[in-house]
Amino acid sequence: MENLFALKPGEEIGGFRILEKIHEGGMAAIYRVSRPDIDLPLIMKIPKLAFGSHPACYVGFEVEQMILATLSGPHVPRFIAKGDMETSPYIVMEYIGGPSLHDFVNRSPAAVPEIARLVSALAAAVHDLHRQNVVHLDIKPANVLYRPTGEAVLIDFGLARHAYLPDLVEEEFHMPVGTAAYISPEQVVGRRCDPRSDIFAIGVILYQLSTGCLPFGSPTHIRGFRKRLYRDPVPPRSIKPDLPEWLQEIILHCLEVRASDRYATAAQVACDLSHPDHVSITSRGTRLKQAGCIDLIRRRWEALWPESEPCPAPSAHLAIAPHIMVALDTTHIAEDLFQALRDAVRRVVATEAHCRITCVTILEPSILTEEDNNHQFANSLYTQRLVELRHWAKPLALPGEKVRYHVLEATDPAAALLEYARANHVDQIIMGARGCSTLRRILGSVSSKVAAEAPCSVTVVRVPRAP
């Protein structure tokens, strides 16, 4: 094996020219490198695989080589090349020059808007990872970077699990593996396949950014780890009273002991952080004390027999918790079409128990002057549209945590709906099609444009015309 830790600027390995060493830790060293045919800033990660190295170095590096090569998109570094594990082990990947989430955590507690921005981007990145059938299992501030454009980038996949590749970590280690402060209850008992483990870690980061404290500390022995199987954290608002209830609601929802009680997907976390005024406040958001003795005894009893539900691939898990957007034109009362749309939503809810419904309508921006009376008029129209959405949805009798209502201000309804769908990870759009006309056939309808350009499935509901 080559002595890769003695590399100096100007030397070459695998066709890559060494520029400088930018980091050296206990497990690996990071070099800036370049290659003439690649117009992209690059780094080379070289593990410490000498005699006496920790076994995690071998296993973790092999896992990262294997998994990073399968991933794509803006939320992971672009994979470039890898070296042979026996002779010259290395990974070359895109260099992400933005700040780390660790930088922000060091200055916590942070301002609420900054928390929402940072962690919404992180949740979107985690959702994209789950769509590619990978659970990270080591989400922590040091493993989150940000591009100049704002997207979060996940790094360090040494403990990750791919649904369709061998789990080398599980084969090698028989104790909980992960970073002590962020490891989920199910990881403590050896369950490494649940994407909601990453949601738990997001909750820990939210708690840390909001209060400056870790919800469960950093235990160093298994007894300390096991406390999170039954013990809920001190509510953040009892540490920082001015924290909004909606933010505590999101934090404690992520940190539920049972995975089935957490958010179903990271996309739901991202959506709630982006639209805090739509968060449904439950007892999570208002409590100021930890659970009492009765709840604690019940959880300790349940911890003796942890959840053993099937563990589908992450993408399959996401499929049972879709985000459904229902686009409504409430300015044209067409009760037969409204009823047909309700029927379509009922069919989805009946088959997808963990789905989330967002009812959306369009309000054209006011073209009036900015006088106070006109602001009041615009606000009254906005409120009226919200009331109309709620009135439409009332017969569905959906629980508050399952449904959201949103009014978009736009002059181009189709473009606004498409942008909302992209930004909020919508999996299906349900919308109505109004009657045909010569003008609609010439100019095109909103539903036809949405159906043609949407990043997801689109169901266009029509009312049968009378013979």
Protein backbone atom coordinates (compact mmCIF):
# COMPACT_ATOMS: atom_id res chain seq x y z
CA MET A 1 0.00 0.00 0.00
CA GLU A 2 1.35 3.44 -0.92
CA ASN A 3 2.25 5.87 1.88
CA LEU A 4 -0.54 8.27 1.01
CA PHE A 5 -0.04 10.38 4.13
CA ALA A 6 3.37 11.53 2.92
CA LEU A 7 1.95 13.16 -0.22
CA LYS A 8 3.29 16.61 -1.02
CA PRO A 9 1.99 19.36 -3.31
CA GLY A 10 2.81 18.56 -6.91
CA GLU A 11 2.77 14.78 -6.55
CA GLU A 12 0.24 12.70 -8.46
CA ILE A 13 -1.92 9.74 -7.54
CA GLY A 14 -4.36 8.10 -9.91
CA GLY A 15 -3.92 10.97 -12.36
CA PHE A 16 -4.86 13.60 -9.75
CA ARG A 17 -2.36 16.30 -8.81
CA ILE A 18 -2.01 17.09 -5.09
CA LEU A 19 -2.48 20.81 -4.35
CA GLU A 20 -2.54 20.98 -0.55
CA LYS A 21 -3.63 19.10 2.57
CA ILE A 22 -6.65 20.90 4.04
CA HIS A 23 -7.55 18.59 6.94
CA GLU A 24 -6.28 15.61 8.87
CA GLY A 25 -8.36 13.81 11.49
CA GLY A 26 -8.22 10.56 13.37
CA MET A 27 -9.83 8.60 10.53
CA ALA A 28 -8.73 10.30 7.28
CA ALA A 29 -6.85 13.13 5.60
CA ILE A 30 -8.34 15.50 3.00
CA TYR A 31 -6.33 16.95 0.10
CA ARG A 32 -7.26 19.54 -2.51
CA VAL A 33 -6.52 17.96 -5.91
CA SER A 34 -6.99 18.72 -9.58
CA ARG A 35 -7.02 16.98 -12.95
CA PRO A 36 -6.71 18.79 -16.27
CA ASP A 37 -9.84 17.27 -17.80
CA ILE A 38 -12.14 18.10 -14.84
CA ASP A 39 -13.28 21.71 -14.44
CA LEU A 40 -14.54 21.30 -10.89
CA PRO A 41 -12.95 21.94 -7.47
CA LEU A 42 -11.99 18.53 -6.09
CA ILE A 43 -10.90 16.90 -2.86
CA MET A 44 -9.32 13.51 -2.24
CA LYS A 45 -10.20 11.68 0.95
CA ILE A 46 -7.58 9.16 2.13
CA PRO A 47 -8.35 6.89 5.11
CA LYS A 48 -5.86 5.94 7.82
CA LEU A 49 -5.61 2.23 7.11
CA ALA A 50 -2.27 1.47 8.73
CA PHE A 51 -1.58 -1.43 11.10
CA GLY A 52 -3.52 -0.91 14.33
CA SER A 53 -6.11 1.41 12.78
CA HIS A 54 -9.61 1.30 14.22
CA PRO A 55 -11.78 -1.28 12.36
CA ALA A 56 -14.30 1.47 11.64
CA CYS A 57 -11.72 3.04 9.31
CA TYR A 58 -11.76 -0.01 7.04
CA VAL A 59 -15.47 -0.65 7.10
CA GLY A 60 -16.55 2.99 7.00
CA PHE A 61 -14.33 3.87 4.08
CA GLU A 62 -15.45 0.85 2.07
CA VAL A 63 -19.09 1.75 2.76
CA GLU A 64 -18.54 5.36 1.71
CA GLN A 65 -16.81 4.30 -1.51
CA MET A 66 -19.69 1.97 -2.30
CA ILE A 67 -22.60 4.28 -1.45
CA LEU A 68 -21.32 7.66 -2.66
CA ALA A 69 -20.85 6.22 -6.15
CA THR A 70 -24.59 5.46 -6.32
CA LEU A 71 -25.79 8.94 -5.37
CA SER A 72 -26.49 12.01 -7.47
CA GLY A 73 -28.04 15.44 -7.22
CA PRO A 74 -27.21 18.75 -5.53
CA HIS A 75 -27.43 17.38 -1.97
CA VAL A 76 -24.34 15.15 -2.12
CA PRO A 77 -20.81 15.84 -3.38
CA ARG A 78 -20.38 14.69 -6.95
CA PHE A 79 -18.46 11.40 -7.00
CA ILE A 80 -15.44 11.45 -9.33
CA ALA A 81 -13.22 8.41 -8.73
CA LYS A 82 -11.99 5.88 -6.20
CA GLY A 83 -8.76 3.96 -5.66
CA ASP A 84 -8.18 0.29 -4.98
CA MET A 85 -8.74 -0.60 -1.30
CA GLU A 86 -5.68 -2.87 -1.25
CA THR A 87 -3.09 -0.64 -2.92
CA SER A 88 -4.17 3.00 -2.97
CA PRO A 89 -7.46 3.64 -1.16
CA TYR A 90 -8.97 7.06 -1.80
CA ILE A 91 -12.15 8.79 -2.91
CA VAL A 92 -12.15 11.85 -5.15
CA MET A 93 -15.25 14.00 -4.97
CA GLU A 94 -16.51 17.50 -5.57
CA TYR A 95 -15.22 20.11 -3.12
CA ILE A 96 -18.04 21.96 -1.32
CA GLY A 97 -16.64 25.30 -0.27
CA GLY A 98 -19.61 26.60 1.74
CA PRO A 99 -20.00 26.77 5.53
CA SER A 100 -20.74 23.78 7.76
CA LEU A 101 -23.83 23.55 9.96
CA HIS A 102 -21.33 23.03 12.79
CA ASP A 103 -20.33 26.70 12.40
CA PHE A 104 -23.90 27.80 13.15
CA VAL A 105 -24.34 25.36 16.04
CA ASN A 106 -21.25 26.82 17.71
CA ARG A 107 -23.09 30.16 17.85
CA SER A 108 -26.39 28.76 19.09
CA PRO A 109 -28.99 29.51 20.18
CA ALA A 110 -29.68 30.93 16.73
CA ALA A 111 -32.42 33.25 15.50
CA VAL A 112 -35.65 31.45 14.60
CA PRO A 113 -35.65 32.47 10.89
CA GLU A 114 -32.06 31.22 10.56
CA ILE A 115 -32.96 27.91 12.24
CA ALA A 116 -35.89 27.44 9.87
CA ARG A 117 -33.76 28.24 6.80
CA LEU A 118 -30.84 26.01 7.73
CA VAL A 119 -32.81 22.97 8.85
CA SER A 120 -35.44 23.20 6.11
CA ALA A 121 -32.58 22.90 3.62
CA LEU A 122 -31.14 19.98 5.62
CA ALA A 123 -34.50 18.18 5.69
CA ALA A 124 -34.85 18.62 1.92
CA ALA A 125 -31.40 17.05 1.46
CA VAL A 126 -32.30 14.12 3.72
CA HIS A 127 -35.54 13.57 1.80
CA ASP A 128 -33.60 13.45 -1.48
CA LEU A 129 -31.21 10.90 0.04
CA HIS A 130 -34.14 8.71 1.14
CA ARG A 131 -35.59 8.87 -2.36
CA GLN A 132 -32.33 7.27 -3.51
CA ASN A 133 -32.81 4.41 -0.99
CA VAL A 134 -30.08 5.49 1.42
CA VAL A 135 -30.42 6.20 5.16
CA HIS A 136 -27.49 8.31 6.39
CA LEU A 137 -27.54 7.25 10.09
CA ASP A 138 -24.89 9.82 11.07
CA ILE A 139 -26.62 13.15 10.51
CA LYS A 140 -24.84 15.75 12.65
CA PRO A 141 -23.78 19.39 12.15
CA ALA A 142 -20.25 18.51 11.01
CA ASN A 143 -21.68 16.34 8.22
CA VAL A 144 -23.82 19.11 6.71
CA LEU A 145 -22.38 21.73 4.34
CA TYR A 146 -24.15 24.50 2.41
CA ARG A 147 -23.68 25.53 -1.19
CA PRO A 148 -23.60 29.27 -2.03
CA THR A 149 -27.07 28.77 -3.53
CA GLY A 150 -28.43 27.57 -0.17
CA GLU A 151 -28.82 23.81 -0.74
CA ALA A 152 -27.61 21.56 2.06
CA VAL A 153 -25.03 18.91 1.14
CA LEU A 154 -24.62 15.71 3.16
CA ILE A 155 -21.15 14.23 3.57
CA ASP A 156 -19.47 11.26 5.29
CA PHE A 157 -21.45 8.13 4.38
CA GLY A 158 -19.30 5.71 6.39
CA LEU A 159 -22.21 4.57 8.57
CA ALA A 160 -24.93 4.81 5.92
CA ARG A 161 -27.13 1.97 4.73
CA HIS A 162 -28.30 1.39 1.15
CA ALA A 163 -31.45 -0.69 0.86
CA TYR A 164 -30.07 -2.77 -2.03
CA LEU A 165 -26.40 -3.11 -1.05
CA PRO A 166 -24.75 -5.20 1.68
CA ASP A 167 -24.81 -3.57 5.13
CA LEU A 168 -21.14 -3.96 6.00
CA VAL A 169 -21.52 -1.95 9.23
CA GLU A 170 -24.17 -4.30 10.59
CA GLU A 171 -22.06 -7.31 9.65
CA GLU A 172 -18.97 -5.92 11.41
CA PHE A 173 -20.33 -4.28 14.56
CA HIS A 174 -22.75 -5.66 17.15
CA MET A 175 -23.06 -2.49 19.24
CA PRO A 176 -24.85 0.77 18.43
CA VAL A 177 -22.84 2.84 15.97
CA GLY A 178 -23.28 6.54 15.38
CA THR A 179 -22.57 9.85 17.05
CA ALA A 180 -23.73 9.66 20.67
CA ALA A 181 -25.73 12.90 20.76
CA TYR A 182 -27.68 12.22 17.53
CA ILE A 183 -28.29 8.46 17.48
CA SER A 184 -31.95 7.43 17.38
CA PRO A 185 -33.70 5.01 19.78
CA GLU A 186 -34.04 2.35 17.07
CA GLN A 187 -30.31 2.56 16.29
CA VAL A 188 -29.64 1.90 19.97
CA VAL A 189 -31.35 -1.49 19.62
CA GLY A 190 -29.58 -2.29 16.34
CA ARG A 191 -32.25 -1.29 13.80
CA ARG A 192 -30.40 0.44 10.94
CA CYS A 193 -32.95 0.53 8.14
CA ASP A 194 -35.51 3.16 9.20
CA PRO A 195 -35.33 6.55 7.40
CA ARG A 196 -37.05 8.13 10.41
CA SER A 197 -33.76 7.67 12.30
CA ASP A 198 -32.45 10.58 10.23
CA ILE A 199 -35.54 12.60 11.19
CA PHE A 200 -34.69 12.01 14.86
CA ALA A 201 -31.20 13.43 14.21
CA ILE A 202 -32.78 16.46 12.52
CA GLY A 203 -34.79 16.97 15.71
CA VAL A 204 -31.61 16.88 17.82
CA ILE A 205 -30.05 19.54 15.56
CA LEU A 206 -33.18 21.70 15.78
CA TYR A 207 -33.11 21.41 19.58
CA GLN A 208 -29.41 22.30 19.67
CA LEU A 209 -29.81 25.34 17.40
CA SER A 210 -32.84 26.54 19.38
CA THR A 211 -31.52 26.14 22.94
CA GLY A 212 -27.75 25.74 22.73
CA CYS A 213 -28.16 22.37 24.51
CA LEU A 214 -28.28 18.73 23.43
CA PRO A 215 -31.59 17.02 24.29
CA PHE A 216 -29.95 13.78 25.49
CA GLY A 217 -26.38 14.86 26.18
CA SER A 218 -23.48 12.79 24.79
CA PRO A 219 -23.53 9.45 26.65
CA THR A 220 -20.47 7.22 26.53
CA HIS A 221 -21.99 3.89 27.62
CA ILE A 222 -24.94 1.75 26.55
CA ARG A 223 -26.94 2.55 29.68
CA GLY A 224 -26.87 6.23 28.79
CA PHE A 225 -27.93 5.46 25.20
CA ARG A 226 -30.89 3.38 26.35
CA LYS A 227 -32.45 6.27 28.27
CA ARG A 228 -33.71 7.71 25.01
CA LEU A 229 -35.80 4.55 24.53
CA TYR A 230 -38.21 5.90 27.12
CA ARG A 231 -37.15 9.41 28.22
CA ASP A 232 -38.36 12.47 26.31
CA PRO A 233 -36.23 15.64 26.36
CA VAL A 234 -36.88 18.72 28.45
CA PRO A 235 -39.25 20.85 26.31
CA PRO A 236 -37.21 23.56 24.55
CA ARG A 237 -39.56 26.35 25.65
CA SER A 238 -38.80 25.60 29.30
CA ILE A 239 -35.16 26.46 28.47
CA LYS A 240 -35.89 29.32 26.06
CA PRO A 241 -39.38 30.70 26.86
CA ASP A 242 -39.52 33.01 23.82
CA LEU A 243 -39.24 30.07 21.41
CA PRO A 244 -42.39 29.88 19.24
CA GLU A 245 -44.82 27.06 19.96
CA TRP A 246 -44.74 26.01 16.30
CA LEU A 247 -40.99 25.43 16.47
CA GLN A 248 -41.25 23.34 19.65
CA GLU A 249 -44.05 21.38 17.96
CA ILE A 250 -41.72 20.49 15.07
CA ILE A 251 -38.75 19.69 17.35
CA LEU A 252 -40.64 17.35 19.65
CA HIS A 253 -42.45 15.73 16.72
CA CYS A 254 -39.04 14.81 15.28
CA LEU A 255 -37.84 13.52 18.67
CA GLU A 256 -40.70 11.15 19.46
CA VAL A 257 -39.41 7.93 21.03
CA ARG A 258 -41.34 5.68 18.67
CA ALA A 259 -40.42 6.11 15.02
CA SER A 260 -44.08 5.70 14.04
CA ASP A 261 -44.97 8.83 16.07
CA ARG A 262 -42.45 11.05 14.27
CA TYR A 263 -42.90 12.85 10.98
CA ALA A 264 -43.40 10.27 8.26
CA THR A 265 -40.90 11.95 5.91
CA ALA A 266 -38.17 14.58 6.04
CA ALA A 267 -40.09 16.46 3.33
CA GLN A 268 -42.87 17.08 5.87
CA VAL A 269 -40.31 18.59 8.24
CA ALA A 270 -38.98 20.85 5.47
CA CYS A 271 -42.51 21.93 4.56
CA ASP A 272 -43.47 22.82 8.14
CA LEU A 273 -40.27 24.79 8.69
CA SER A 274 -40.92 26.71 5.45
CA HIS A 275 -44.56 27.43 6.37
CA PRO A 276 -44.66 27.82 10.18
CA ASP A 277 -48.04 29.56 10.09
CA HIS A 278 -49.54 26.29 8.84
CA VAL A 279 -48.16 24.10 11.65
CA SER A 280 -50.94 22.51 13.69
CA ILE A 281 -50.11 23.05 17.40
CA THR A 282 -50.78 20.06 19.66
CA SER A 283 -49.75 19.38 23.26
CA ARG A 284 -46.19 19.00 21.98
CA GLY A 285 -45.98 22.69 21.21
CA THR A 286 -47.35 23.93 24.53
CA ARG A 287 -45.88 21.58 27.12
CA LEU A 288 -43.27 22.87 29.55
CA LYS A 289 -42.46 19.67 31.43
CA GLN A 290 -41.27 16.19 30.56
CA ALA A 291 -43.70 13.27 30.61
CA GLY A 292 -44.88 12.16 34.04
CA CYS A 293 -44.27 8.92 35.91
CA ILE A 294 -47.13 7.00 34.29
CA ASP A 295 -45.90 7.73 30.75
CA LEU A 296 -42.34 6.97 31.81
CA ILE A 297 -43.30 3.56 33.24
CA ARG A 298 -45.29 2.73 30.10
CA ARG A 299 -42.38 3.63 27.84
CA ARG A 300 -39.88 1.67 29.89
CA TRP A 301 -42.16 -1.34 29.62
CA GLU A 302 -42.51 -0.86 25.86
CA ALA A 303 -38.71 -0.50 25.56
CA LEU A 304 -38.37 -4.12 26.66
CA TRP A 305 -40.02 -5.11 23.34
CA PRO A 306 -38.94 -2.53 20.75
CA GLU A 307 -40.79 -2.09 17.46
CA SER A 308 -40.15 -4.91 15.02
CA GLU A 309 -42.25 -3.74 12.07
CA PRO A 310 -41.08 -4.55 8.53
CA CYS A 311 -38.39 -2.28 7.14
CA PRO A 312 -39.12 -1.41 3.49
CA ALA A 313 -36.65 0.44 1.30
CA PRO A 314 -36.64 4.19 2.07
CA SER A 315 -38.26 5.01 -1.28
CA ALA A 316 -41.04 2.52 -0.51
CA HIS A 317 -41.52 4.14 2.90
CA LEU A 318 -41.89 7.54 1.21
CA ALA A 319 -44.50 6.07 -1.13
CA ILE A 320 -46.88 5.41 1.78
CA ALA A 321 -46.56 9.03 2.99
CA PRO A 322 -47.07 11.14 -0.14
CA HIS A 323 -47.58 14.90 -0.16
CA ILE A 324 -50.79 15.59 -2.10
CA MET A 325 -51.53 19.08 -3.37
CA VAL A 326 -55.16 19.86 -4.19
CA ALA A 327 -55.39 22.92 -6.46
CA LEU A 328 -58.74 24.69 -6.23
CA ASP A 329 -60.26 27.66 -7.99
CA THR A 330 -62.56 28.90 -5.25
CA THR A 331 -63.67 31.96 -7.25
CA HIS A 332 -65.84 29.80 -9.52
CA ILE A 333 -68.44 27.90 -7.54
CA ALA A 334 -68.94 24.54 -9.22
CA GLU A 335 -70.24 22.21 -6.55
CA ASP A 336 -70.30 19.17 -8.81
CA LEU A 337 -66.58 19.64 -9.56
CA PHE A 338 -65.81 20.37 -5.90
CA GLN A 339 -67.51 17.14 -4.92
CA ALA A 340 -65.60 15.18 -7.57
CA LEU A 341 -62.34 16.61 -6.16
CA ARG A 342 -63.35 15.58 -2.62
CA ASP A 343 -64.07 12.08 -3.87
CA ALA A 344 -60.60 11.92 -5.46
CA VAL A 345 -58.98 13.02 -2.19
CA ARG A 346 -60.99 10.46 -0.21
CA ARG A 347 -59.66 7.69 -2.42
CA VAL A 348 -56.08 8.79 -1.74
CA VAL A 349 -56.61 9.11 2.02
CA ALA A 350 -58.21 5.68 2.16
CA THR A 351 -55.16 3.99 0.65
CA GLU A 352 -52.32 6.23 1.97
CA ALA A 353 -52.77 6.50 5.73
CA HIS A 354 -49.69 8.72 6.25
CA CYS A 355 -50.33 11.17 3.41
CA ARG A 356 -50.40 14.92 3.88
CA ILE A 357 -52.90 17.10 2.02
CA THR A 358 -52.21 20.73 1.08
CA CYS A 359 -55.15 22.68 -0.31
CA VAL A 360 -53.95 25.53 -2.53
CA THR A 361 -55.70 28.36 -4.34
CA ILE A 362 -54.45 31.39 -6.29
CA LEU A 363 -54.97 35.07 -5.43
CA GLU A 364 -53.95 37.64 -8.02
CA PRO A 365 -51.70 40.33 -6.47
CA SER A 366 -53.41 43.66 -5.95
CA ILE A 367 -52.60 46.22 -8.65
CA LEU A 368 -53.91 49.03 -6.50
CA THR A 369 -51.77 51.61 -4.70
CA GLU A 370 -50.18 50.90 -1.35
CA GLU A 371 -52.65 52.85 0.76
CA ASP A 372 -53.75 51.35 4.08
CA ASN A 373 -57.28 50.73 2.83
CA ASN A 374 -55.97 48.72 -0.11
CA HIS A 375 -53.73 46.64 2.18
CA GLN A 376 -56.78 45.90 4.29
CA PHE A 377 -58.72 44.93 1.17
CA ALA A 378 -55.93 42.59 0.02
CA ASN A 379 -55.73 41.02 3.48
CA SER A 380 -59.48 40.47 3.54
CA LEU A 381 -59.29 38.73 0.15
CA TYR A 382 -56.47 36.51 1.43
CA THR A 383 -58.52 35.60 4.50
CA GLN A 384 -61.56 34.96 2.34
CA ARG A 385 -59.61 32.50 0.17
CA LEU A 386 -58.41 30.63 3.29
CA VAL A 387 -61.97 30.42 4.55
CA GLU A 388 -63.13 29.09 1.18
CA LEU A 389 -60.41 26.39 1.22
CA ARG A 390 -61.40 25.31 4.71
CA HIS A 391 -65.07 25.27 3.73
CA TRP A 392 -64.27 23.03 0.76
CA ALA A 393 -62.27 20.61 2.91
CA LYS A 394 -64.66 20.47 5.88
CA PRO A 395 -66.75 17.53 4.54
CA LEU A 396 -63.53 15.46 4.32
CA ALA A 397 -63.20 15.61 8.13
CA LEU A 398 -59.40 15.41 7.92
CA PRO A 399 -57.41 15.63 11.19
CA GLY A 400 -55.59 18.93 11.69
CA GLU A 401 -52.10 17.46 11.44
CA LYS A 402 -52.90 15.93 8.03
CA VAL A 403 -54.14 18.99 6.12
CA ARG A 404 -52.67 22.41 5.30
CA TYR A 405 -54.18 25.45 3.53
CA HIS A 406 -52.16 27.82 1.38
CA VAL A 407 -53.01 30.90 -0.71
CA LEU A 408 -50.49 31.71 -3.46
CA GLU A 409 -50.30 35.23 -4.85
CA ALA A 410 -49.53 35.04 -8.56
CA THR A 411 -50.56 36.36 -11.96
CA ASP A 412 -49.67 33.03 -13.62
CA PRO A 413 -51.58 30.28 -11.74
CA ALA A 414 -49.92 27.37 -13.53
CA ALA A 415 -46.39 28.66 -12.88
CA ALA A 416 -47.21 29.29 -9.21
CA LEU A 417 -48.60 25.78 -8.74
CA LEU A 418 -45.59 24.22 -10.45
CA GLU A 419 -43.13 26.20 -8.32
CA TYR A 420 -44.96 25.29 -5.11
CA ALA A 421 -44.94 21.61 -6.09
CA ARG A 422 -41.19 21.67 -6.74
CA ALA A 423 -40.29 23.61 -3.61
CA ASN A 424 -42.43 21.50 -1.28
CA HIS A 425 -41.71 17.99 -2.58
CA VAL A 426 -45.26 17.36 -3.77
CA ASP A 427 -45.82 13.77 -4.93
CA GLN A 428 -49.21 14.20 -6.59
CA ILE A 429 -51.33 17.12 -7.76
CA ILE A 430 -55.10 16.80 -7.85
CA MET A 431 -56.90 19.58 -9.70
CA GLY A 432 -60.13 20.20 -11.53
CA ALA A 433 -60.62 20.92 -15.23
CA ARG A 434 -63.27 23.47 -16.09
CA GLY A 435 -65.41 23.29 -19.19
CA CYS A 436 -64.00 23.47 -22.70
CA SER A 437 -64.11 26.55 -24.90
CA THR A 438 -62.53 27.73 -28.14
CA LEU A 439 -60.32 30.20 -26.22
CA ARG A 440 -59.08 27.48 -23.86
CA ARG A 441 -58.24 25.21 -26.77
CA ILE A 442 -56.19 28.01 -28.37
CA LEU A 443 -54.41 29.39 -25.29
CA GLY A 444 -54.25 26.24 -23.23
CA SER A 445 -55.62 25.71 -19.73
CA VAL A 446 -53.96 25.81 -16.33
CA SER A 447 -54.52 22.07 -15.84
CA SER A 448 -52.95 21.17 -19.20
CA LYS A 449 -49.81 23.24 -18.45
CA VAL A 450 -49.48 21.76 -14.96
CA ALA A 451 -49.97 18.23 -16.28
CA ALA A 452 -47.32 18.79 -18.97
CA GLU A 453 -44.63 20.34 -16.73
CA ALA A 454 -45.21 19.03 -13.21
CA PRO A 455 -42.35 17.21 -11.43
CA CYS A 456 -44.83 14.65 -10.10
CA SER A 457 -48.03 12.79 -10.94
CA VAL A 458 -51.06 14.90 -11.85
CA THR A 459 -54.70 13.84 -11.59
CA VAL A 460 -57.08 16.09 -13.52
CA VAL A 461 -60.65 15.63 -12.32
CA ARG A 462 -63.50 16.26 -14.73
CA VAL A 463 -67.23 16.23 -14.24
CA PRO A 464 -68.98 14.13 -16.94
CA ARG A 465 -70.91 16.29 -19.38
CA ALA A 466 -74.58 15.65 -19.79
CA PRO A 467 -75.44 13.70 -22.97
